[in-house]
Protein backbone atom coordinates (compact mmCIF):
# COMPACT_ATOMS: atom_id res chain seq x y z
CA MET A 1 39.55 -29.66 -20.94
CA GLU A 2 39.09 -32.97 -22.77
CA VAL A 3 38.74 -32.94 -26.55
CA ALA A 4 35.12 -34.11 -26.51
CA GLY A 5 34.18 -31.53 -23.90
CA LEU A 6 35.99 -28.83 -25.84
CA ALA A 7 34.11 -29.63 -29.04
CA ILE A 8 30.77 -29.51 -27.24
CA SER A 9 31.63 -26.20 -25.58
CA ILE A 10 32.73 -24.59 -28.84
CA ALA A 11 29.57 -25.82 -30.59
CA SER A 12 27.52 -24.37 -27.75
CA LEU A 13 29.36 -21.05 -27.98
CA ALA A 14 28.79 -20.88 -31.74
CA SER A 15 25.07 -21.50 -31.32
CA LEU A 16 24.75 -18.94 -28.52
CA PHE A 17 26.76 -16.43 -30.52
CA ASP A 18 24.41 -16.69 -33.51
CA THR A 19 21.36 -16.44 -31.24
CA ALA A 20 22.77 -13.38 -29.47
CA ILE A 21 23.50 -11.60 -32.77
CA ASP A 22 19.98 -12.39 -34.00
CA ALA A 23 18.43 -11.03 -30.79
CA PHE A 24 19.41 -7.47 -31.67
CA ARG A 25 17.34 -7.53 -34.86
CA TYR A 26 13.86 -8.02 -33.46
CA LEU A 27 13.63 -4.90 -31.30
CA GLN A 28 11.15 -2.13 -32.03
CA VAL A 29 10.34 0.91 -29.90
CA GLY A 30 7.33 2.85 -28.75
CA LYS A 31 6.93 6.05 -30.77
CA ALA A 32 6.53 8.06 -27.58
CA LEU A 33 10.17 7.45 -26.67
CA GLY A 34 11.29 10.13 -29.12
CA VAL A 35 14.94 11.11 -29.14
CA ASP A 36 15.99 8.34 -26.75
CA VAL A 37 15.53 5.92 -29.64
CA GLN A 38 18.40 7.36 -31.66
CA SER A 39 20.89 7.09 -28.83
CA ALA A 40 19.75 3.58 -27.91
CA CYS A 41 19.96 2.39 -31.50
CA LEU A 42 23.53 3.63 -31.83
CA GLN A 43 24.56 1.96 -28.60
CA LEU A 44 22.92 -1.35 -29.45
CA ASP A 45 24.49 -1.33 -32.90
CA SER A 46 27.87 -0.75 -31.31
CA ALA A 47 27.37 -3.59 -28.87
CA GLN A 48 26.28 -5.91 -31.66
CA LEU A 49 29.33 -5.02 -33.73
CA ARG A 50 31.73 -5.57 -30.84
CA LEU A 51 30.06 -8.89 -30.14
CA SER A 52 30.43 -9.93 -33.79
CA ARG A 53 34.10 -8.93 -33.75
CA TRP A 54 34.74 -11.06 -30.69
CA GLY A 55 32.91 -14.08 -32.11
CA GLN A 56 34.74 -13.88 -35.41
CA ALA A 57 38.12 -13.51 -33.70
CA VAL A 58 37.73 -16.49 -31.37
CA GLY A 59 36.38 -18.77 -34.08
CA VAL A 60 32.68 -19.11 -33.28
CA GLY A 61 31.69 -17.01 -36.28
CA THR A 62 32.56 -17.58 -39.92
CA ALA A 63 36.07 -18.79 -40.70
CA THR A 64 38.66 -16.34 -42.07
CA GLU A 65 42.41 -16.02 -42.00
CA THR A 66 42.13 -13.59 -39.06
CA VAL A 67 40.53 -16.11 -36.74
CA VAL A 68 42.33 -17.56 -33.74
CA SER A 69 40.36 -20.77 -33.26
CA LEU A 70 39.62 -21.79 -29.71
CA GLN A 71 40.53 -25.34 -30.69
CA ALA A 72 44.10 -24.30 -31.55
CA THR A 73 44.67 -22.08 -28.52
CA SER A 74 45.53 -22.85 -24.92
CA PHE A 75 42.97 -21.25 -22.63
CA PRO A 76 41.36 -21.85 -19.23
CA GLU A 77 38.22 -23.94 -19.20
CA ARG A 78 36.67 -21.43 -16.82
CA ASP A 79 36.90 -18.75 -19.54
CA VAL A 80 35.00 -20.93 -21.99
CA ARG A 81 32.31 -21.52 -19.38
CA LEU A 82 32.20 -17.80 -18.59
CA ALA A 83 31.83 -16.99 -22.28
CA GLU A 84 28.86 -19.37 -22.46
CA THR A 85 27.34 -17.69 -19.42
CA LEU A 86 27.81 -14.19 -20.81
CA LEU A 87 26.37 -15.07 -24.21
CA GLY A 88 23.43 -16.75 -22.53
CA HIS A 89 22.95 -13.67 -20.36
CA ILE A 90 22.83 -11.40 -23.42
CA VAL A 91 20.17 -13.61 -25.01
CA ASN A 92 18.24 -13.68 -21.73
CA LEU A 93 18.36 -9.89 -21.39
CA PHE A 94 16.48 -9.55 -24.67
CA HIS A 95 14.12 -12.38 -23.71
CA GLN A 96 13.25 -10.81 -20.36
CA ALA A 97 12.83 -7.38 -21.96
CA GLU A 98 10.44 -8.91 -24.47
CA LYS A 99 8.40 -10.58 -21.71
CA GLU A 100 8.13 -7.30 -19.81
CA SER A 101 7.18 -5.49 -22.99
CA MET A 102 4.38 -7.97 -23.69
CA ARG A 103 3.07 -7.42 -20.18
CA LEU A 104 2.96 -3.65 -20.66
CA ARG A 105 1.74 -3.60 -24.24
CA GLU A 106 -1.98 -3.39 -23.52
CA SER A 107 -1.59 -0.23 -21.45
CA GLN A 108 0.32 1.70 -24.10
CA SER A 109 -0.78 4.71 -26.07
CA PRO A 110 -2.39 4.22 -29.48
CA ALA A 111 0.69 5.95 -30.95
CA GLY A 112 1.98 2.41 -31.36
CA THR A 113 5.45 1.28 -32.26
CA THR A 114 8.03 1.99 -34.90
CA ASP A 115 10.99 0.15 -36.31
CA LEU A 116 14.33 1.47 -35.10
CA GLU A 117 15.33 2.33 -38.65
CA ALA A 118 12.37 4.70 -39.01
CA ASN A 119 13.92 6.96 -36.37
CA LEU A 120 17.23 7.40 -38.15
CA SER A 121 18.39 10.12 -40.49
CA PRO A 122 19.64 8.93 -43.90
CA GLU A 123 23.23 9.29 -42.67
CA SER A 124 22.65 7.31 -39.50
CA LEU A 125 20.60 4.72 -41.37
CA ALA A 126 23.52 4.06 -43.72
CA LEU A 127 25.73 3.44 -40.69
CA HIS A 128 23.13 1.22 -39.07
CA LYS A 129 22.75 -0.94 -42.17
CA ARG A 130 26.47 -1.44 -42.40
CA VAL A 131 26.52 -2.68 -38.83
CA LEU A 132 23.81 -5.19 -39.61
CA ASP A 133 25.64 -6.30 -42.73
CA ILE A 134 28.96 -6.90 -41.01
CA CYS A 135 27.29 -8.80 -38.18
CA ARG A 136 25.41 -11.06 -40.59
CA ARG A 137 28.61 -11.85 -42.43
CA ARG A 138 30.31 -12.82 -39.20
CA GLN A 139 27.61 -15.20 -38.07
CA HIS A 140 28.19 -18.91 -38.46
CA GLY A 141 24.57 -19.20 -39.46
CA THR A 142 21.31 -17.31 -39.06
CA SER A 143 18.10 -18.60 -37.59
CA LEU A 144 15.66 -20.14 -40.05
CA ILE A 145 12.79 -19.06 -37.81
CA ASN A 146 11.17 -15.77 -38.80
CA LYS A 147 10.69 -14.44 -35.28
CA ALA A 148 8.19 -11.65 -34.72
CA LYS A 149 9.54 -8.25 -33.74
CA TRP A 150 8.64 -6.80 -30.36
CA ALA A 151 8.68 -3.32 -28.87
CA ILE A 152 9.98 -1.54 -25.78
CA TYR A 153 7.74 1.30 -24.57
CA GLY A 154 9.37 2.63 -21.40
CA ARG A 155 12.42 4.89 -21.43
CA GLU A 156 14.00 3.33 -18.34
CA HIS A 157 13.29 -0.14 -19.69
CA LEU A 158 15.09 0.71 -22.93
CA LEU A 159 18.08 2.38 -21.28
CA SER A 160 18.47 -0.52 -18.85
CA LEU A 161 18.56 -3.03 -21.70
CA VAL A 162 21.16 -0.96 -23.56
CA GLU A 163 23.36 -0.65 -20.49
CA GLU A 164 23.22 -4.30 -19.46
CA VAL A 165 23.83 -5.62 -22.97
CA GLY A 166 26.80 -3.29 -23.36
CA LYS A 167 28.32 -4.46 -20.08
CA SER A 168 28.01 -8.12 -20.99
CA VAL A 169 29.57 -7.58 -24.40
CA ASN A 170 32.49 -5.69 -22.88
CA ASN A 171 33.03 -8.50 -20.38
CA LEU A 172 33.22 -10.96 -23.27
CA LEU A 173 35.87 -8.86 -25.00
CA GLU A 174 38.18 -9.37 -22.02
CA LEU A 175 38.21 -13.14 -22.49
CA PHE A 176 40.71 -15.06 -24.64
CA PRO A 177 43.61 -12.56 -24.87
CA ALA A 178 45.14 -14.67 -27.65
CA ALA A 179 42.39 -13.38 -29.95
CA GLN A 180 43.21 -9.70 -29.40
CA GLN A 181 45.37 -9.43 -32.50
CA ALA A 182 42.64 -11.00 -34.62
CA GLN A 183 40.17 -8.49 -33.17
CA ARG A 184 42.46 -5.62 -34.12
CA LYS A 185 42.66 -6.86 -37.71
CA LEU A 186 38.88 -7.06 -37.88
CA CYS A 187 38.64 -3.61 -36.35
CA ASP A 188 40.95 -2.25 -39.06
CA LEU A 189 38.52 -3.56 -41.68
CA GLU A 190 35.56 -2.01 -39.88
CA ILE A 191 37.21 1.40 -39.84
CA GLU A 192 38.17 1.13 -43.49
CA THR A 193 34.55 0.37 -44.30
CA ILE A 194 32.85 3.15 -42.34
CA ARG A 195 35.40 5.93 -42.15
CA GLY A 196 34.08 7.63 -45.27
CA LEU A 197 30.47 7.84 -44.05
CA SER A 198 29.12 11.20 -42.97
CA SER A 199 28.07 9.68 -39.61
CA TRP A 200 31.64 8.59 -38.85
CA PRO A 201 32.33 11.50 -36.41
CA ASP A 202 29.22 10.61 -34.40
CA PHE A 203 30.17 6.98 -34.33
CA LEU A 204 33.75 7.70 -33.36
CA GLU A 205 32.59 9.89 -30.49
CA ILE A 206 30.63 6.91 -29.16
CA ALA A 207 33.59 4.60 -29.58
CA LYS A 208 35.73 6.81 -27.35
CA THR A 209 33.74 5.65 -24.33
CA GLN A 210 32.60 2.21 -25.44
CA ASP A 211 35.09 0.74 -27.91
CA LYS A 212 38.64 1.60 -26.92
CA MET A 213 40.15 -0.65 -29.55
CA LEU A 214 38.38 1.06 -32.42
CA ALA A 215 38.94 4.54 -31.00
CA ASP A 216 42.67 3.92 -30.50
CA ILE A 217 43.15 2.50 -33.98
CA ALA A 218 41.21 5.38 -35.53
CA ALA A 219 43.30 7.91 -33.61
CA SER A 220 46.49 6.41 -35.02
CA LEU A 221 45.38 6.80 -38.64
CA PRO A 222 46.79 9.63 -40.76
CA GLY A 223 44.56 12.54 -41.59
CA LYS A 224 41.70 14.08 -39.67
CA SER A 225 39.53 11.28 -38.32
CA VAL A 226 37.36 13.32 -35.96
CA SER A 227 35.30 16.41 -36.61
CA ASN A 228 33.11 18.55 -34.41
CA THR A 229 30.13 18.25 -36.74
CA TYR A 230 27.22 16.21 -35.46
CA HIS A 231 24.17 15.30 -37.45
CA SER A 232 20.56 16.00 -36.58
CA TRP A 233 18.45 12.89 -36.06
CA ASN A 234 14.98 12.16 -37.31
CA ASN A 235 12.58 11.41 -34.48
CA HIS A 236 9.42 12.43 -36.33
CA ASP A 237 9.47 15.84 -34.66
CA SER A 238 12.61 17.23 -36.33
CA THR A 239 14.30 17.25 -32.95
CA LYS A 240 18.00 17.95 -33.14
CA VAL A 241 19.92 15.65 -30.89
CA MET A 242 23.51 16.78 -30.54
CA HIS A 243 26.07 14.40 -29.12
CA GLN A 244 23.83 12.76 -26.55
CA ILE A 245 25.17 9.27 -26.93
CA ALA A 246 26.55 7.40 -23.96
CA GLY A 247 27.16 4.19 -25.86
CA ASP A 248 28.93 2.97 -28.92
CA GLN A 249 28.38 1.55 -32.36
CA ILE A 250 30.27 0.19 -35.30
CA VAL A 251 29.24 -0.87 -38.74
CA HIS A 252 30.11 -2.54 -42.00
CA GLY A 253 28.85 -1.68 -45.37
CA GLY A 254 28.18 -2.26 -48.99
CA GLN A 255 31.81 -2.37 -50.08
CA THR A 256 33.37 -5.72 -50.80
CA PHE A 257 35.36 -6.68 -47.73
CA SER A 258 36.06 -10.06 -46.21
CA PHE A 259 35.14 -10.12 -42.53
């Protein structure tokens, strides 16, 4: 790939990366969805964190010593193009879900919508906020446009979005093998940040199926990193949801770490 073309592609990737990270933040849910909200939130948080880890490692996020810049690495042009396609697809998944939600909004129950955070227990909310924090820190820049939030009302609609976003993020993680070591270093920092939270066992259980890198690193750490205790989740009806997550999530928190 020529130098000029490379610069354009990397700039495009950086812009798409920031847009994709932002897209996760505008989602609300219909209150009638109940316990499905908790599971979906965890999975989307995990996908967002994995995406931020990838972007930081390949150099389209903020610059740190862990980054393997695309400009300094030999890689196939087709992989850069594929990365652009996958990032664009993630953004489009949220866009299409929003369009469908707007179409269905008028027929919904007066129960209305709720922010994702309102469905989380204090323990899960702490985890969620750390995910958002780490992802913001890894962005090259955030949008100056204060975009309105939008809501998903249908269970199948929500689960489909979660599944498709997760697949696209995982496909991205397979690109640019030279950045794997940088991703592992970032993952180490993530674990150090969240391991002490009471929701860590829940999160780690998700990672076992969705984030092999994090799960493997956590398993290699000394001491007991997994417990069989799962937390009840607040869905406005005191419903206890025990280990019903089919996705994954990671987070970063209030401690002072450089991501």
